[in-house]
Amino acid sequence: MAQVFSRRSNTIARATLVGGPLAAALTLWLALVYTRSSYGTGAGEIRVQPIPFSHEHHVGVLGIDCRYCHTGVERTSYAGIPATQTCMNCHSQMWVGSTMLEPVRESLRTGESLRWQRVYNMPGFVYFDHSIHIHKGIGCTTCHGRIDRMPLTFQKPSLLMEWCLDCHRSPAPNLRPQSEIFNSHWQPPTDQPQRGAELAREYGLRDMHYLTSCSVCHR
């Protein structure tokens, strides 16, 4: 009877048994590396905007308060994008002939909103409320980084779930007085562990078990 399988069939079978799991493990490892890298999370990525808006200039140099443009940040879940009229409050008097600002003037003339590209885009299954974080002592730079030093805005943290949980498990190191929430230059004092614990009690923060409960962020 003729031999059905060639002599190298055993070698191929052994290679498949060993190589298959190795290839699957390698693929899984590469997927995990990608999702945690800046390519997967979007951290550090500068998005092309209709106008190259500089927070460094407006916040760092001119000292404009965050709430002047992001008017809803203390009351709603969204910080909000400023209306065109907010930009024109200043730019109807300065840089009136700037070619760079023509899209703003066009937006005001036509009533059509500028199409800004979102920099921080949370997944649809994640609930995030700006107002509660602000009222519980979390400052803008805690999540957005030194926005006053960004000529072009980019996402500072990874926004991975573990990044959120690190703060929810131990919020005290990030808590600051209400007077410093919008201060880009604020630095934790030397006694921050003690002061943070006091602020946690003052703000009425719930315990770690509640803050890390799934239903807090996934609703």
Protein backbone atom coordinates (compact mmCIF):
# COMPACT_ATOMS: atom_id res chain seq x y z
CA MET A 1 0.00 0.00 0.00
CA ALA A 2 1.37 3.39 -0.99
CA GLN A 3 2.32 5.81 1.79
CA VAL A 4 -0.39 8.49 2.17
CA PHE A 5 1.70 11.12 3.98
CA SER A 6 5.18 12.16 3.05
CA ARG A 7 8.09 11.80 5.47
CA ARG A 8 8.03 15.51 6.29
CA SER A 9 4.39 15.41 7.44
CA ASN A 10 5.46 14.66 11.03
CA THR A 11 7.80 17.63 11.00
CA ILE A 12 5.04 19.91 9.67
CA ALA A 13 2.60 18.62 12.29
CA ARG A 14 5.07 19.25 15.12
CA ALA A 15 5.83 22.73 13.80
CA THR A 16 2.10 23.49 13.59
CA LEU A 17 1.45 22.29 17.13
CA VAL A 18 4.26 24.46 18.47
CA GLY A 19 4.02 27.41 16.07
CA GLY A 20 0.22 27.81 16.26
CA PRO A 21 0.08 28.65 19.97
CA LEU A 22 3.23 30.76 19.66
CA ALA A 23 1.72 32.76 16.79
CA ALA A 24 -1.51 33.25 18.75
CA ALA A 25 0.42 34.37 21.83
CA LEU A 26 2.53 36.76 19.75
CA THR A 27 -0.59 38.23 18.12
CA LEU A 28 -2.21 38.76 21.52
CA TRP A 29 0.96 40.36 22.89
CA LEU A 30 1.20 42.74 19.91
CA ALA A 31 -2.49 43.68 20.33
CA LEU A 32 -1.92 44.47 24.02
CA VAL A 33 1.19 46.51 23.24
CA TYR A 34 -0.69 48.48 20.60
CA THR A 35 -3.69 49.25 22.79
CA ARG A 36 -1.42 50.58 25.54
CA SER A 37 0.81 52.58 23.20
CA SER A 38 0.23 56.18 22.13
CA TYR A 39 -0.92 54.85 18.76
CA GLY A 40 -3.76 52.97 20.43
CA THR A 41 -4.67 55.52 23.12
CA GLY A 42 -4.16 58.70 21.10
CA ALA A 43 -1.98 60.25 23.84
CA GLY A 44 0.29 62.95 22.48
CA GLU A 45 -1.49 63.08 19.12
CA ILE A 46 -2.08 66.57 17.76
CA ARG A 47 -5.28 66.72 15.69
CA VAL A 48 -5.63 69.04 12.73
CA GLN A 49 -8.07 71.81 13.62
CA PRO A 50 -9.82 74.36 11.38
CA ILE A 51 -7.72 77.00 13.17
CA PRO A 52 -4.38 76.32 14.92
CA PHE A 53 -5.64 77.48 18.33
CA SER A 54 -2.92 77.96 20.95
CA HIS A 55 -3.78 77.40 24.61
CA GLU A 56 -0.23 78.46 25.42
CA HIS A 57 -0.93 81.92 24.05
CA HIS A 58 -4.47 82.38 25.35
CA VAL A 59 -4.03 80.75 28.77
CA GLY A 60 -0.30 80.91 29.45
CA VAL A 61 0.48 84.36 28.01
CA LEU A 62 -2.83 86.23 28.15
CA GLY A 63 -4.05 84.51 31.32
CA ILE A 64 -7.60 83.84 30.08
CA ASP A 65 -9.54 81.72 32.57
CA CYS A 66 -10.67 78.30 31.33
CA ARG A 67 -14.28 79.15 32.13
CA TYR A 68 -14.35 82.08 29.71
CA CYS A 69 -14.40 79.65 26.78
CA HIS A 70 -15.55 76.42 28.46
CA THR A 71 -18.59 77.97 30.07
CA GLY A 72 -20.39 74.78 31.06
CA VAL A 73 -17.54 73.05 32.81
CA GLU A 74 -18.82 73.81 36.34
CA ARG A 75 -22.44 72.87 35.65
CA THR A 76 -22.54 70.09 33.07
CA SER A 77 -20.79 66.89 32.13
CA TYR A 78 -19.26 68.52 29.05
CA ALA A 79 -16.73 71.33 29.20
CA GLY A 80 -18.23 72.72 26.00
CA ILE A 81 -16.71 74.30 22.91
CA PRO A 82 -16.89 78.12 22.81
CA ALA A 83 -19.34 79.70 20.43
CA THR A 84 -17.91 81.71 17.55
CA GLN A 85 -19.13 84.90 19.23
CA THR A 86 -16.87 84.14 22.19
CA CYS A 87 -13.85 84.21 19.89
CA MET A 88 -15.10 87.38 18.21
CA ASN A 89 -15.48 89.20 21.52
CA CYS A 90 -11.74 89.77 21.24
CA HIS A 91 -11.02 89.20 17.56
CA SER A 92 -13.48 91.79 16.35
CA GLN A 93 -10.96 94.26 17.81
CA MET A 94 -7.62 92.51 17.27
CA TRP A 95 -6.13 90.51 14.41
CA VAL A 96 -9.17 91.63 12.41
CA GLY A 97 -7.42 91.12 9.08
CA SER A 98 -5.67 87.85 9.90
CA THR A 99 -5.98 85.24 7.16
CA MET A 100 -5.65 82.51 9.80
CA LEU A 101 -8.82 83.75 11.52
CA GLU A 102 -10.92 83.94 8.36
CA PRO A 103 -12.77 80.69 9.26
CA VAL A 104 -13.91 82.38 12.49
CA ARG A 105 -15.23 85.42 10.66
CA GLU A 106 -16.88 83.17 8.07
CA SER A 107 -18.54 81.20 10.88
CA LEU A 108 -19.93 84.41 12.35
CA ARG A 109 -21.23 85.61 8.97
CA THR A 110 -22.92 82.35 8.03
CA GLY A 111 -23.94 81.08 11.45
CA GLU A 112 -22.33 77.73 10.68
CA SER A 113 -20.31 76.33 13.56
CA LEU A 114 -16.61 75.60 13.19
CA ARG A 115 -15.94 71.87 12.96
CA TRP A 116 -13.43 71.36 15.76
CA GLN A 117 -11.84 67.93 16.10
CA ARG A 118 -12.31 66.38 19.56
CA VAL A 119 -9.04 65.84 21.38
CA TYR A 120 -10.44 63.92 24.36
CA ASN A 121 -12.99 61.41 23.11
CA MET A 122 -14.24 59.00 25.73
CA PRO A 123 -15.87 55.76 24.52
CA GLY A 124 -19.65 55.72 24.44
CA PHE A 125 -19.82 53.18 27.27
CA VAL A 126 -17.96 55.51 29.67
CA TYR A 127 -19.78 58.21 31.61
CA PHE A 128 -17.65 61.20 32.57
CA ASP A 129 -18.88 64.38 34.24
CA HIS A 130 -16.64 67.45 34.30
CA SER A 131 -18.70 69.26 36.92
CA ILE A 132 -18.50 66.57 39.60
CA HIS A 133 -14.72 66.31 39.25
CA ILE A 134 -14.32 70.07 39.56
CA HIS A 135 -16.58 70.30 42.61
CA LYS A 136 -14.69 67.41 44.23
CA GLY A 137 -11.31 69.13 43.93
CA ILE A 138 -9.82 67.89 40.65
CA GLY A 139 -8.08 70.64 38.69
CA CYS A 140 -7.94 71.03 34.92
CA THR A 141 -4.25 70.19 34.61
CA THR A 142 -4.69 66.90 36.50
CA CYS A 143 -6.33 65.42 33.41
CA HIS A 144 -5.35 67.83 30.65
CA GLY A 145 -1.72 68.42 31.59
CA ARG A 146 -0.06 71.82 31.42
CA ILE A 147 -2.50 73.16 28.88
CA ASP A 148 -0.96 76.60 29.33
CA ARG A 149 2.22 75.24 27.69
CA MET A 150 0.57 73.68 24.64
CA PRO A 151 0.85 75.66 21.40
CA LEU A 152 -1.36 72.96 19.86
CA THR A 153 -3.65 70.90 22.07
CA PHE A 154 -3.11 67.18 22.53
CA GLN A 155 -4.36 64.45 24.83
CA LYS A 156 -1.98 64.15 27.77
CA PRO A 157 -3.02 60.91 29.61
CA SER A 158 -3.70 57.50 28.12
CA LEU A 159 -7.37 57.50 29.24
CA LEU A 160 -7.01 53.77 29.87
CA MET A 161 -9.32 52.48 32.59
CA GLU A 162 -6.37 51.85 34.89
CA TRP A 163 -5.45 55.55 34.68
CA CYS A 164 -8.91 56.50 35.94
CA LEU A 165 -8.88 53.79 38.61
CA ASP A 166 -5.51 54.89 39.98
CA CYS A 167 -7.09 58.22 40.94
CA HIS A 168 -10.39 56.70 42.10
CA ARG A 169 -8.53 54.32 44.40
CA SER A 170 -6.45 57.13 45.90
CA PRO A 171 -7.79 60.60 45.00
CA ALA A 172 -6.09 62.50 47.86
CA PRO A 173 -2.79 63.17 45.99
CA ASN A 174 -4.71 64.97 43.24
CA LEU A 175 -7.13 67.03 45.33
CA ARG A 176 -6.70 70.77 45.54
CA PRO A 177 -8.62 73.69 47.10
CA GLN A 178 -11.50 75.10 45.06
CA SER A 179 -9.57 78.35 44.65
CA GLU A 180 -6.87 76.47 42.73
CA ILE A 181 -9.00 74.33 40.40
CA PHE A 182 -8.36 76.53 37.36
CA ASN A 183 -4.81 77.51 38.31
CA SER A 184 -2.46 75.96 35.73
CA HIS A 185 0.58 76.70 37.91
CA TRP A 186 -0.67 74.92 41.03
CA GLN A 187 1.73 72.41 42.57
CA PRO A 188 0.92 70.03 45.44
CA PRO A 189 2.32 71.31 48.76
CA THR A 190 4.84 69.30 50.73
CA ASP A 191 2.09 68.11 53.08
CA GLN A 192 -0.20 67.03 50.24
CA PRO A 193 -0.94 63.56 51.72
CA GLN A 194 -2.33 65.16 54.87
CA ARG A 195 -3.96 68.09 53.07
CA GLY A 196 -5.44 65.78 50.42
CA ALA A 197 -7.00 63.58 53.10
CA GLU A 198 -8.53 66.66 54.73
CA LEU A 199 -9.92 67.84 51.39
CA ALA A 200 -11.38 64.39 50.72
CA ARG A 201 -13.38 64.69 53.95
CA GLU A 202 -14.28 68.30 53.18
CA TYR A 203 -15.60 67.39 49.72
CA GLY A 204 -17.44 64.37 51.06
CA LEU A 205 -15.71 61.86 48.82
CA ARG A 206 -17.10 58.34 49.02
CA ASP A 207 -14.87 55.39 49.97
CA MET A 208 -12.69 53.52 47.49
CA HIS A 209 -15.14 50.65 47.10
CA TYR A 210 -17.83 53.02 45.84
CA LEU A 211 -15.48 55.07 43.64
CA THR A 212 -14.19 51.91 41.92
CA SER A 213 -17.64 50.41 41.46
CA CYS A 214 -18.42 49.64 37.82
CA SER A 215 -21.66 51.64 37.87
CA VAL A 216 -19.85 54.88 38.72
CA CYS A 217 -18.43 55.16 35.20
CA HIS A 218 -20.37 52.54 33.22
CA ARG A 219 -24.07 53.38 33.19
